[in-house]
């Protein structure tokens, strides 16, 4: 059960972008296979209706054998796509359940968090260690906001200003104001290209306040919202480190182990490995 809790964030990283894309691709593939099967049946009907002359023109009785072989292969491929689709569906369902479990566990660690009022986790795609305490890592750099040109989404009129205001509060050590500002930003602009940064920086502000469980939730939001985004390595690393600080060592070890596996070239990969050694991860 405990291992399942931390695996939720990792399942989300894999399932969120991939499951939706694969579902569409597999659906398209099945449709193409059905069309191909229909064309093959139509061709066989024309060949049989054409009589001996048509059969000879197609290469003799071997033509029907080849058609039968192709039809059998189409049936095999169709079954395979259905199998893959079922597998994707299971990953999505399992990932959704696991990330819900982790959110519930973090809520239990937060003061004032009412588990009975937690929102239902949205469907993805529609994503043993020893003792010791984790060492709080240095804050990673945050990518600049995307420019409103070059095909990137343009920001709302007050969007950049609201983000900059919260960022200035964080830079000035006003952690509560920064946490409130980034939370308000994420609620006001859920589809913003800056929302992932806002979740991550809210985690930094919560960490500055000493609210490790709140920081863990914010890092989880940052990672699960964009598991392949520019902040994903840092968010996953900080989530693992926060779990270690909360005493959830086994979950922390599994989470931190995913950083070098998923992002081997990121600076956080080495930091995660070092933190795992501090935690005594096996």
Protein backbone atom coordinates (compact mmCIF):
# COMPACT_ATOMS: atom_id res chain seq x y z
CA UNK A 1 0.00 0.00 0.00
CA UNK A 2 2.74 2.46 0.99
CA UNK A 3 4.69 1.72 -2.16
CA UNK A 4 1.54 2.26 -4.20
CA UNK A 5 1.14 5.73 -2.76
CA UNK A 6 4.39 7.09 -4.10
CA UNK A 7 4.13 5.23 -7.37
CA UNK A 8 1.09 7.35 -8.16
CA UNK A 9 3.15 10.35 -9.18
CA UNK A 10 5.40 8.18 -11.29
CA UNK A 11 2.49 6.44 -13.02
CA UNK A 12 1.03 9.87 -13.73
CA UNK A 13 4.23 10.94 -15.53
CA UNK A 14 4.04 7.96 -17.86
CA UNK A 15 0.30 7.71 -18.31
CA UNK A 16 -0.81 11.32 -18.65
CA UNK A 17 0.74 12.26 -22.01
CA UNK A 18 1.17 8.76 -23.41
CA UNK A 19 -2.17 7.17 -22.67
CA UNK A 20 -4.25 9.80 -24.43
CA UNK A 21 -1.97 9.80 -27.46
CA UNK A 22 -1.85 5.99 -27.70
CA UNK A 23 -5.62 5.73 -27.31
CA UNK A 24 -6.12 7.92 -30.36
CA UNK A 25 -3.39 6.14 -32.33
CA UNK A 26 -4.73 2.69 -31.52
CA UNK A 27 -8.27 3.75 -32.39
CA UNK A 28 -7.05 5.05 -35.74
CA UNK A 29 -5.14 1.83 -36.32
CA UNK A 30 -8.17 -0.31 -35.59
CA UNK A 31 -10.25 1.77 -38.00
CA UNK A 32 -7.62 1.36 -40.71
CA UNK A 33 -7.51 -2.40 -40.15
CA UNK A 34 -11.29 -2.62 -40.43
CA UNK A 35 -11.23 -0.68 -43.68
CA UNK A 36 -8.46 -2.90 -45.00
CA UNK A 37 -10.45 -6.04 -44.07
CA UNK A 38 -13.49 -4.68 -45.88
CA UNK A 39 -11.44 -3.84 -48.97
CA UNK A 40 -9.95 -7.33 -48.92
CA UNK A 41 -13.38 -8.95 -48.70
CA UNK A 42 -14.63 -6.79 -51.55
CA UNK A 43 -11.63 -7.75 -53.69
CA UNK A 44 -12.17 -11.44 -52.96
CA UNK A 45 -15.83 -11.10 -53.99
CA UNK A 46 -14.86 -9.43 -57.27
CA UNK A 47 -12.25 -12.09 -57.94
CA UNK A 48 -14.71 -14.95 -57.36
CA UNK A 49 -17.41 -13.23 -59.40
CA UNK A 50 -14.99 -12.73 -62.30
CA UNK A 51 -14.71 -16.45 -62.82
CA UNK A 52 -11.76 -18.41 -64.16
CA UNK A 53 -10.41 -15.60 -66.33
CA UNK A 54 -10.21 -13.20 -63.39
CA UNK A 55 -8.62 -15.89 -61.27
CA UNK A 56 -5.94 -16.56 -63.89
CA UNK A 57 -5.27 -12.85 -64.29
CA UNK A 58 -4.71 -12.57 -60.53
CA UNK A 59 -2.18 -15.41 -60.56
CA UNK A 60 -4.35 -18.49 -60.18
CA UNK A 61 -5.72 -20.10 -57.03
CA UNK A 62 -2.68 -18.86 -55.14
CA UNK A 63 -4.31 -15.42 -55.12
CA UNK A 64 -7.05 -16.68 -52.80
CA UNK A 65 -4.43 -18.27 -50.55
CA UNK A 66 -2.59 -14.97 -50.29
CA UNK A 67 -5.84 -13.17 -49.48
CA UNK A 68 -6.62 -15.69 -46.76
CA UNK A 69 -3.16 -15.18 -45.28
CA UNK A 70 -3.59 -11.40 -45.34
CA UNK A 71 -7.01 -11.67 -43.72
CA UNK A 72 -5.58 -13.85 -40.95
CA UNK A 73 -2.85 -11.28 -40.34
CA UNK A 74 -5.42 -8.47 -40.18
CA UNK A 75 -7.37 -10.44 -37.57
CA UNK A 76 -4.17 -10.95 -35.55
CA UNK A 77 -3.24 -7.27 -35.71
CA UNK A 78 -6.76 -6.20 -34.75
CA UNK A 79 -6.65 -8.45 -31.70
CA UNK A 80 -3.24 -7.04 -30.82
CA UNK A 81 -4.46 -3.42 -30.97
CA UNK A 82 -7.38 -4.32 -28.72
CA UNK A 83 -4.98 -5.94 -26.28
CA UNK A 84 -2.79 -2.83 -26.25
CA UNK A 85 -5.82 -0.60 -25.77
CA UNK A 86 -6.92 -2.63 -22.78
CA UNK A 87 -3.43 -2.37 -21.36
CA UNK A 88 -3.41 1.42 -21.77
CA UNK A 89 -6.82 1.62 -20.11
CA UNK A 90 -5.56 -0.40 -17.16
CA UNK A 91 -2.49 1.84 -16.78
CA UNK A 92 -4.67 4.95 -16.83
CA UNK A 93 -7.10 3.55 -14.26
CA UNK A 94 -4.31 2.29 -12.02
CA UNK A 95 -2.37 5.56 -12.30
CA UNK A 96 -5.47 7.58 -11.42
CA UNK A 97 -6.10 5.47 -8.33
CA UNK A 98 -2.50 5.69 -7.21
CA UNK A 99 -2.19 9.45 -7.57
CA UNK A 100 -5.44 9.77 -5.64
CA UNK A 101 -3.93 7.64 -2.87
CA UNK A 102 -0.86 9.85 -2.68
CA UNK A 103 -2.95 13.04 -2.58
CA UNK A 104 -5.00 11.51 0.24
CA UNK A 105 -1.84 10.57 2.18
CA UNK A 106 -0.37 14.07 1.82
CA UNK A 107 -3.69 15.59 2.93
CA UNK A 108 -3.56 13.46 6.08
CA UNK A 109 -0.18 15.00 6.87
CA UNK A 110 -1.43 18.57 6.38
CA UNK A 111 -2.92 20.59 9.21
CA UNK A 112 -6.43 21.69 8.39
CA UNK A 113 -6.82 19.48 5.32
CA UNK A 114 -10.22 17.77 5.34
CA UNK A 115 -9.97 14.47 3.49
CA UNK A 116 -13.76 14.30 3.25
CA UNK A 117 -13.78 17.44 1.09
CA UNK A 118 -10.94 16.49 -1.22
CA UNK A 119 -11.86 16.78 -4.91
CA UNK A 120 -12.07 13.58 -6.90
CA UNK A 121 -8.86 12.90 -8.80
CA UNK A 122 -9.36 13.45 -12.52
CA UNK A 123 -8.82 10.54 -14.87
CA UNK A 124 -5.31 10.58 -16.32
CA UNK A 125 -5.19 11.21 -20.05
CA UNK A 126 -8.56 12.81 -20.14
CA UNK A 127 -1.67 11.05 -15.21
CA UNK A 128 12.57 0.08 1.38
CA UNK A 129 14.84 2.54 2.74
CA UNK A 130 16.70 3.13 5.96
CA UNK A 131 16.32 5.87 8.51
CA UNK A 132 17.64 9.37 8.40
CA UNK A 133 16.38 12.70 7.19
CA UNK A 134 16.51 14.07 3.71
CA UNK A 135 18.72 17.07 3.08
CA UNK A 136 16.77 20.03 1.75
CA UNK A 137 18.26 20.74 -1.71
CA UNK A 138 19.14 24.10 -3.14
CA UNK A 139 16.38 25.75 -5.13
CA UNK A 140 16.66 24.96 -8.84
CA UNK A 141 16.39 27.61 -11.48
CA UNK A 142 12.94 28.30 -12.88
CA UNK A 143 12.53 28.72 -16.65
CA UNK A 144 11.48 32.12 -17.87
CA UNK A 145 7.86 32.63 -18.88
CA UNK A 146 7.22 31.85 -22.55
CA UNK A 147 7.19 34.83 -24.82
CA UNK A 148 3.98 35.85 -26.55
CA UNK A 149 5.42 35.18 -29.97
CA UNK A 150 6.93 32.36 -31.99
CA UNK A 151 3.73 30.35 -31.79
CA UNK A 152 3.63 30.06 -27.98
CA UNK A 153 0.38 30.85 -26.16
CA UNK A 154 -0.14 34.52 -25.35
CA UNK A 155 -0.71 35.51 -21.72
CA UNK A 156 -3.84 37.19 -20.42
CA UNK A 157 -3.61 40.90 -19.66
CA UNK A 158 -2.99 40.51 -15.93
CA UNK A 159 -1.50 37.01 -16.09
CA UNK A 160 2.17 37.96 -16.23
CA UNK A 161 1.68 40.71 -13.67
CA UNK A 162 0.03 38.34 -11.18
CA UNK A 163 2.80 35.79 -11.62
CA UNK A 164 5.54 38.43 -11.27
CA UNK A 165 3.89 39.81 -8.14
CA UNK A 166 3.93 36.40 -6.46
CA UNK A 167 7.48 35.77 -7.67
CA UNK A 168 8.64 39.09 -6.22
CA UNK A 169 7.11 38.14 -2.87
CA UNK A 170 8.99 34.82 -2.95
CA UNK A 171 12.26 36.53 -3.87
CA UNK A 172 11.71 38.96 -1.00
CA UNK A 173 11.20 36.18 1.54
CA UNK A 174 7.48 36.91 1.93
CA UNK A 175 6.62 33.24 1.79
CA UNK A 176 2.99 33.38 2.87
CA UNK A 177 2.19 36.13 0.37
CA UNK A 178 4.01 34.17 -2.32
CA UNK A 179 2.19 30.93 -1.50
CA UNK A 180 -1.17 32.70 -1.57
CA UNK A 181 -0.28 34.50 -4.79
CA UNK A 182 0.79 31.37 -6.65
CA UNK A 183 -2.26 29.45 -5.39
CA UNK A 184 -4.53 32.25 -6.62
CA UNK A 185 -2.68 32.30 -9.94
CA UNK A 186 -3.13 28.54 -10.47
CA UNK A 187 -6.85 28.85 -9.72
CA UNK A 188 -7.33 31.88 -11.94
CA UNK A 189 -5.26 30.62 -14.92
CA UNK A 190 -5.44 26.80 -14.90
CA UNK A 191 -4.44 26.55 -18.56
CA UNK A 192 -1.62 29.06 -18.42
CA UNK A 193 1.86 28.11 -19.64
CA UNK A 194 3.02 29.47 -16.27
CA UNK A 195 0.78 27.26 -14.12
CA UNK A 196 3.41 24.53 -13.72
CA UNK A 197 5.93 27.12 -12.55
CA UNK A 198 3.31 28.56 -10.19
CA UNK A 199 2.72 25.16 -8.57
CA UNK A 200 6.45 24.59 -8.21
CA UNK A 201 7.15 28.02 -6.74
CA UNK A 202 4.20 27.61 -4.38
CA UNK A 203 6.04 24.53 -3.16
CA UNK A 204 9.15 26.63 -2.62
CA UNK A 205 7.14 29.18 -0.66
CA UNK A 206 5.52 26.46 1.48
CA UNK A 207 8.95 24.99 2.13
CA UNK A 208 10.11 28.44 3.23
CA UNK A 209 7.21 28.51 5.70
CA UNK A 210 8.25 25.13 7.05
CA UNK A 211 5.09 23.48 5.69
CA UNK A 212 6.73 20.40 4.18
CA UNK A 213 3.49 18.52 3.52
CA UNK A 214 2.03 21.54 1.75
CA UNK A 215 5.21 21.83 -0.28
CA UNK A 216 4.98 18.14 -1.22
CA UNK A 217 1.44 18.62 -2.51
CA UNK A 218 2.53 21.63 -4.58
CA UNK A 219 5.47 19.73 -6.09
CA UNK A 220 3.12 16.84 -6.89
CA UNK A 221 0.77 19.28 -8.65
CA UNK A 222 3.68 20.71 -10.63
CA UNK A 223 4.92 17.29 -11.72
CA UNK A 224 1.60 15.60 -12.45
CA UNK A 225 0.41 18.64 -14.42
CA UNK A 226 3.41 18.52 -16.77
CA UNK A 227 5.42 15.28 -16.29
CA UNK A 228 7.55 16.03 -19.35
CA UNK A 229 7.76 19.79 -18.84
CA UNK A 230 10.85 21.85 -18.03
CA UNK A 231 10.09 21.76 -14.29
CA UNK A 232 9.38 18.01 -14.15
CA UNK A 233 12.85 16.85 -12.96
CA UNK A 234 13.01 19.49 -10.24
CA UNK A 235 9.41 18.91 -9.14
CA UNK A 236 9.86 15.14 -8.91
CA UNK A 237 13.14 15.55 -7.03
CA UNK A 238 11.66 18.04 -4.58
CA UNK A 239 8.64 15.79 -4.05
CA UNK A 240 10.94 12.90 -3.14
CA UNK A 241 13.03 15.06 -0.83
CA UNK A 242 9.91 16.40 0.88
CA UNK A 243 8.61 12.87 1.46
CA UNK A 244 11.94 12.05 3.07
CA UNK A 245 11.63 15.06 5.38
CA UNK A 246 8.14 13.88 6.31
CA UNK A 247 9.55 10.50 7.33
CA UNK A 248 8.04 8.65 4.37
CA UNK A 249 11.41 7.14 3.56
CA UNK A 250 10.30 4.22 1.40
CA UNK A 251 8.11 6.46 -0.75
CA UNK A 252 10.90 9.01 -0.94
CA UNK A 253 13.39 6.39 -2.14
CA UNK A 254 11.09 5.17 -4.90
CA UNK A 255 10.29 8.72 -6.02
CA UNK A 256 13.90 9.87 -5.98
CA UNK A 257 14.92 6.75 -7.89
CA UNK A 258 12.66 7.80 -10.73
CA UNK A 259 14.54 11.08 -11.24
CA UNK A 260 17.75 9.61 -12.78
CA UNK A 261 15.70 6.94 -14.54
CA UNK A 262 13.39 9.42 -16.28
CA UNK A 263 15.74 12.41 -16.52
CA UNK A 264 19.30 11.04 -16.63
CA UNK A 265 20.75 14.25 -18.10
CA UNK A 266 19.07 16.64 -15.66
CA UNK A 267 21.14 18.16 -12.84
CA UNK A 268 18.55 16.82 -10.40
CA UNK A 269 19.53 13.25 -11.31
CA UNK A 270 22.82 13.55 -9.40
CA UNK A 271 21.11 15.40 -6.54
CA UNK A 272 18.51 12.65 -6.26
CA UNK A 273 21.20 9.99 -6.11
CA UNK A 274 23.01 11.88 -3.36
CA UNK A 275 19.79 12.33 -1.37
CA UNK A 276 19.01 8.62 -1.71
CA UNK A 277 22.41 7.84 -0.19
CA UNK A 278 21.64 10.18 2.70
CA UNK A 279 18.32 8.44 3.25
CA UNK A 280 19.97 5.01 3.12
CA UNK A 281 17.88 3.85 0.19
CA UNK A 282 18.58 0.30 -0.93
